[in-house]
Amino acid sequence: MKLAREEREADKKEKASIKELAKANKLYNKKIAQEKRDTRAKEKEEQKAKEVSKRKAERERQRQACDSQKAVQKASTGKRKASEKVAPRKKQKRSVRDNVDRALRTPTPLHQTNTCGRRILQPRKYW
């Protein structure tokens, strides 16, 4: 009997130690997982900070380029240009008409008026 009781107690102790080890193992795994999460979050923050600094540097570089370009433009256009005379336009050559053609053409009809007194013009195809 004593032997059976000792065996049971040994089994209980063994189970308790196994339970404690499992609990400690679970806690350890949780701790490692939390550390991994923290590390990933930290790396993500660092990556974001790098990207932000990169964008700022790029923006600053573009601003510098734009400013230098403006400085060059202002230096070259420092003086006001004197106004120039407008070039004369080329006049179209008009064809010479014969007086005979004018005589042969029918004269433009007199304007008709409506009841209000406004002029009414007939379409050219009826002239």
C-alpha atoms as a PDB file:
ATOM      1  CA  MET A   1       0.000   0.000   0.000  1.00  0.00           C
ATOM      2  CA  LYS A   2       2.738   2.283   0.905  1.00  0.00           C
ATOM      3  CA  LEU A   3       4.359   1.647  -2.432  1.00  0.00           C
ATOM      4  CA  ALA A   4       1.160   2.431  -4.376  1.00  0.00           C
ATOM      5  CA  ARG A   5       0.660   5.642  -2.396  1.00  0.00           C
ATOM      6  CA  GLU A   6       4.259   6.689  -3.071  1.00  0.00           C
ATOM      7  CA  GLU A   7       3.769   5.926  -6.763  1.00  0.00           C
ATOM      8  CA  ARG A   8       0.606   8.066  -6.883  1.00  0.00           C
ATOM      9  CA  GLU A   9       2.370  10.920  -5.132  1.00  0.00           C
ATOM     10  CA  ALA A  10       5.323  10.619  -7.518  1.00  0.00           C
ATOM     11  CA  ASP A  11       2.884  10.669 -10.473  1.00  0.00           C
ATOM     12  CA  LYS A  12       1.152  13.737  -9.029  1.00  0.00           C
ATOM     13  CA  LYS A  13       4.470  15.497  -8.536  1.00  0.00           C
ATOM     14  CA  GLU A  14       5.553  14.580 -12.058  1.00  0.00           C
ATOM     15  CA  LYS A  15       2.262  15.839 -13.534  1.00  0.00           C
ATOM     16  CA  ALA A  16       2.527  19.038 -11.512  1.00  0.00           C
ATOM     17  CA  SER A  17       6.093  19.614 -12.701  1.00  0.00           C
ATOM     18  CA  ILE A  18       5.025  18.893 -16.306  1.00  0.00           C
ATOM     19  CA  LYS A  19       2.143  21.363 -15.885  1.00  0.00           C
ATOM     20  CA  GLU A  20       4.503  23.981 -14.505  1.00  0.00           C
ATOM     21  CA  LEU A  21       6.965  23.399 -17.341  1.00  0.00           C
ATOM     22  CA  ALA A  22       4.162  23.681 -19.904  1.00  0.00           C
ATOM     23  CA  LYS A  23       2.974  26.895 -18.247  1.00  0.00           C
ATOM     24  CA  ALA A  24       6.517  28.284 -18.242  1.00  0.00           C
ATOM     25  CA  ASN A  25       6.968  27.219 -21.874  1.00  0.00           C
ATOM     26  CA  LYS A  26       3.717  28.929 -22.861  1.00  0.00           C
ATOM     27  CA  LEU A  27       4.767  32.094 -21.048  1.00  0.00           C
ATOM     28  CA  TYR A  28       8.173  31.963 -22.738  1.00  0.00           C
ATOM     29  CA  ASN A  29       6.564  31.561 -26.183  1.00  0.00           C
ATOM     30  CA  LYS A  30       4.248  34.511 -25.477  1.00  0.00           C
ATOM     31  CA  LYS A  31       7.220  36.618 -24.437  1.00  0.00           C
ATOM     32  CA  ILE A  32       9.141  35.726 -27.617  1.00  0.00           C
ATOM     33  CA  ALA A  33       6.089  36.461 -29.777  1.00  0.00           C
ATOM     34  CA  GLN A  34       5.672  39.847 -28.077  1.00  0.00           C
ATOM     35  CA  GLU A  35       9.355  40.642 -28.639  1.00  0.00           C
ATOM     36  CA  LYS A  36       8.983  39.743 -32.327  1.00  0.00           C
ATOM     37  CA  ARG A  37       5.928  42.016 -32.621  1.00  0.00           C
ATOM     38  CA  ASP A  38       7.817  44.839 -30.925  1.00  0.00           C
ATOM     39  CA  THR A  39      10.801  44.339 -33.230  1.00  0.00           C
ATOM     40  CA  ARG A  40       8.583  44.381 -36.328  1.00  0.00           C
ATOM     41  CA  ALA A  41       6.791  47.511 -35.122  1.00  0.00           C
ATOM     42  CA  LYS A  42      10.121  49.212 -34.443  1.00  0.00           C
ATOM     43  CA  GLU A  43      11.442  48.253 -37.893  1.00  0.00           C
ATOM     44  CA  LYS A  44       8.237  49.527 -39.479  1.00  0.00           C
ATOM     45  CA  GLU A  45       8.593  52.857 -37.663  1.00  0.00           C
ATOM     46  CA  GLU A  46      12.222  53.127 -38.785  1.00  0.00           C
ATOM     47  CA  GLN A  47      11.209  52.343 -42.380  1.00  0.00           C
ATOM     48  CA  LYS A  48       8.509  55.026 -42.272  1.00  0.00           C
ATOM     49  CA  ALA A  49      10.987  57.525 -40.840  1.00  0.00           C
ATOM     50  CA  LYS A  50      13.450  56.691 -43.639  1.00  0.00           C
ATOM     51  CA  GLU A  51      10.767  57.160 -46.294  1.00  0.00           C
ATOM     52  CA  VAL A  52       9.673  60.467 -44.776  1.00  0.00           C
ATOM     53  CA  SER A  53      13.245  61.740 -44.636  1.00  0.00           C
ATOM     54  CA  LYS A  54      13.793  60.550 -48.210  1.00  0.00           C
ATOM     55  CA  ARG A  55      10.669  62.410 -49.397  1.00  0.00           C
ATOM     56  CA  LYS A  56      11.748  65.538 -47.499  1.00  0.00           C
ATOM     57  CA  ALA A  57      15.212  65.388 -49.060  1.00  0.00           C
ATOM     58  CA  GLU A  58      13.705  64.942 -52.540  1.00  0.00           C
ATOM     59  CA  ARG A  59      11.309  67.843 -51.998  1.00  0.00           C
ATOM     60  CA  GLU A  60      14.165  70.023 -50.743  1.00  0.00           C
ATOM     61  CA  ARG A  61      16.292  69.068 -53.755  1.00  0.00           C
ATOM     62  CA  GLN A  62      13.458  69.980 -56.135  1.00  0.00           C
ATOM     63  CA  ARG A  63      12.901  73.261 -54.304  1.00  0.00           C
ATOM     64  CA  GLN A  64      16.620  74.080 -54.581  1.00  0.00           C
ATOM     65  CA  ALA A  65      16.597  73.278 -58.306  1.00  0.00           C
ATOM     66  CA  CYS A  66      13.519  75.440 -58.832  1.00  0.00           C
ATOM     67  CA  ASP A  67      15.040  78.313 -56.843  1.00  0.00           C
ATOM     68  CA  SER A  68      18.310  78.145 -58.772  1.00  0.00           C
ATOM     69  CA  GLN A  69      16.400  78.082 -62.058  1.00  0.00           C
ATOM     70  CA  LYS A  70      14.392  81.139 -60.991  1.00  0.00           C
ATOM     71  CA  ALA A  71      17.602  82.928 -59.995  1.00  0.00           C
ATOM     72  CA  VAL A  72      19.080  82.256 -63.434  1.00  0.00           C
ATOM     73  CA  GLN A  73      15.904  83.496 -65.132  1.00  0.00           C
ATOM     74  CA  LYS A  74      15.779  86.685 -63.045  1.00  0.00           C
ATOM     75  CA  ALA A  75      19.436  87.443 -63.741  1.00  0.00           C
ATOM     76  CA  SER A  76      19.004  87.073 -67.485  1.00  0.00           C
ATOM     77  CA  THR A  77      15.819  89.146 -67.645  1.00  0.00           C
ATOM     78  CA  GLY A  78      16.973  91.943 -65.405  1.00  0.00           C
ATOM     79  CA  LYS A  79      16.408  94.791 -67.855  1.00  0.00           C
ATOM     80  CA  ARG A  80      13.168  95.686 -69.529  1.00  0.00           C
ATOM     81  CA  LYS A  81      13.241  95.236 -73.275  1.00  0.00           C
ATOM     82  CA  ALA A  82      12.551  98.284 -75.398  1.00  0.00           C
ATOM     83  CA  SER A  83       9.359  98.066 -77.383  1.00  0.00           C
ATOM     84  CA  GLU A  84       9.799  97.424 -81.073  1.00  0.00           C
ATOM     85  CA  LYS A  85       7.826  98.856 -83.946  1.00  0.00           C
ATOM     86  CA  VAL A  86       5.178  96.594 -85.346  1.00  0.00           C
ATOM     87  CA  ALA A  87       6.136  95.203 -88.730  1.00  0.00           C
ATOM     88  CA  PRO A  88       3.856  96.482 -91.513  1.00  0.00           C
ATOM     89  CA  ARG A  89       1.349  93.979 -92.783  1.00  0.00           C
ATOM     90  CA  LYS A  90       1.489  92.751 -96.312  1.00  0.00           C
ATOM     91  CA  LYS A  91      -1.441  94.091 -98.227  1.00  0.00           C
ATOM     92  CA  GLN A  92      -3.302  91.714-100.471  1.00  0.00           C
ATOM     93  CA  LYS A  93      -3.141  92.464-104.138  1.00  0.00           C
ATOM     94  CA  ARG A  94      -6.539  93.239-105.517  1.00  0.00           C
ATOM     95  CA  SER A  95      -7.449  92.068-108.946  1.00  0.00           C
ATOM     96  CA  VAL A  96      -8.012  94.763-111.505  1.00  0.00           C
ATOM     97  CA  ARG A  97     -11.613  94.869-112.642  1.00  0.00           C
ATOM     98  CA  ASP A  98     -12.827  96.082-115.917  1.00  0.00           C
ATOM     99  CA  ASN A  99     -15.486  98.707-116.086  1.00  0.00           C
ATOM    100  CA  VAL A 100     -17.239  96.473-118.566  1.00  0.00           C
ATOM    101  CA  ASP A 101     -17.766  93.812-115.915  1.00  0.00           C
ATOM    102  CA  ARG A 102     -19.357  96.352-113.643  1.00  0.00           C
ATOM    103  CA  ALA A 103     -21.724  97.483-116.299  1.00  0.00           C
ATOM    104  CA  LEU A 104     -22.734  93.915-117.124  1.00  0.00           C
ATOM    105  CA  ARG A 105     -23.452  93.025-113.540  1.00  0.00           C
ATOM    106  CA  THR A 106     -26.951  93.585-112.333  1.00  0.00           C
ATOM    107  CA  PRO A 107     -27.200  96.329-109.755  1.00  0.00           C
ATOM    108  CA  THR A 108     -28.068  95.421-106.202  1.00  0.00           C
ATOM    109  CA  PRO A 109     -31.802  95.557-105.683  1.00  0.00           C
ATOM    110  CA  LEU A 110     -33.354  98.205-103.514  1.00  0.00           C
ATOM    111  CA  HIS A 111     -34.133  97.123-100.021  1.00  0.00           C
ATOM    112  CA  GLN A 112     -37.636  96.109 -99.256  1.00  0.00           C
ATOM    113  CA  THR A 113     -39.125  97.196 -95.966  1.00  0.00           C
ATOM    114  CA  ASN A 114     -41.571  95.364 -93.776  1.00  0.00           C
ATOM    115  CA  THR A 115     -44.511  96.946 -91.992  1.00  0.00           C
ATOM    116  CA  CYS A 116     -42.332  97.968 -89.052  1.00  0.00           C
ATOM    117  CA  GLY A 117     -39.936  99.817 -91.339  1.00  0.00           C
ATOM    118  CA  ARG A 118     -36.991  97.417 -91.113  1.00  0.00           C
ATOM    119  CA  ARG A 119     -35.033  96.589 -94.239  1.00  0.00           C
ATOM    120  CA  ILE A 120     -35.374  93.119 -95.720  1.00  0.00           C
ATOM    121  CA  LEU A 121     -32.629  91.843 -97.991  1.00  0.00           C
ATOM    122  CA  GLN A 122     -33.273  89.135-100.514  1.00  0.00           C
ATOM    123  CA  PRO A 123     -30.787  86.269-100.657  1.00  0.00           C
ATOM    124  CA  ARG A 124     -27.978  86.804-103.161  1.00  0.00           C
ATOM    125  CA  LYS A 125     -29.089  83.952-105.392  1.00  0.00           C
ATOM    126  CA  TYR A 126     -32.126  86.049-106.405  1.00  0.00           C
ATOM    127  CA  TRP A 127     -30.110  89.204-107.372  1.00  0.00           C
END
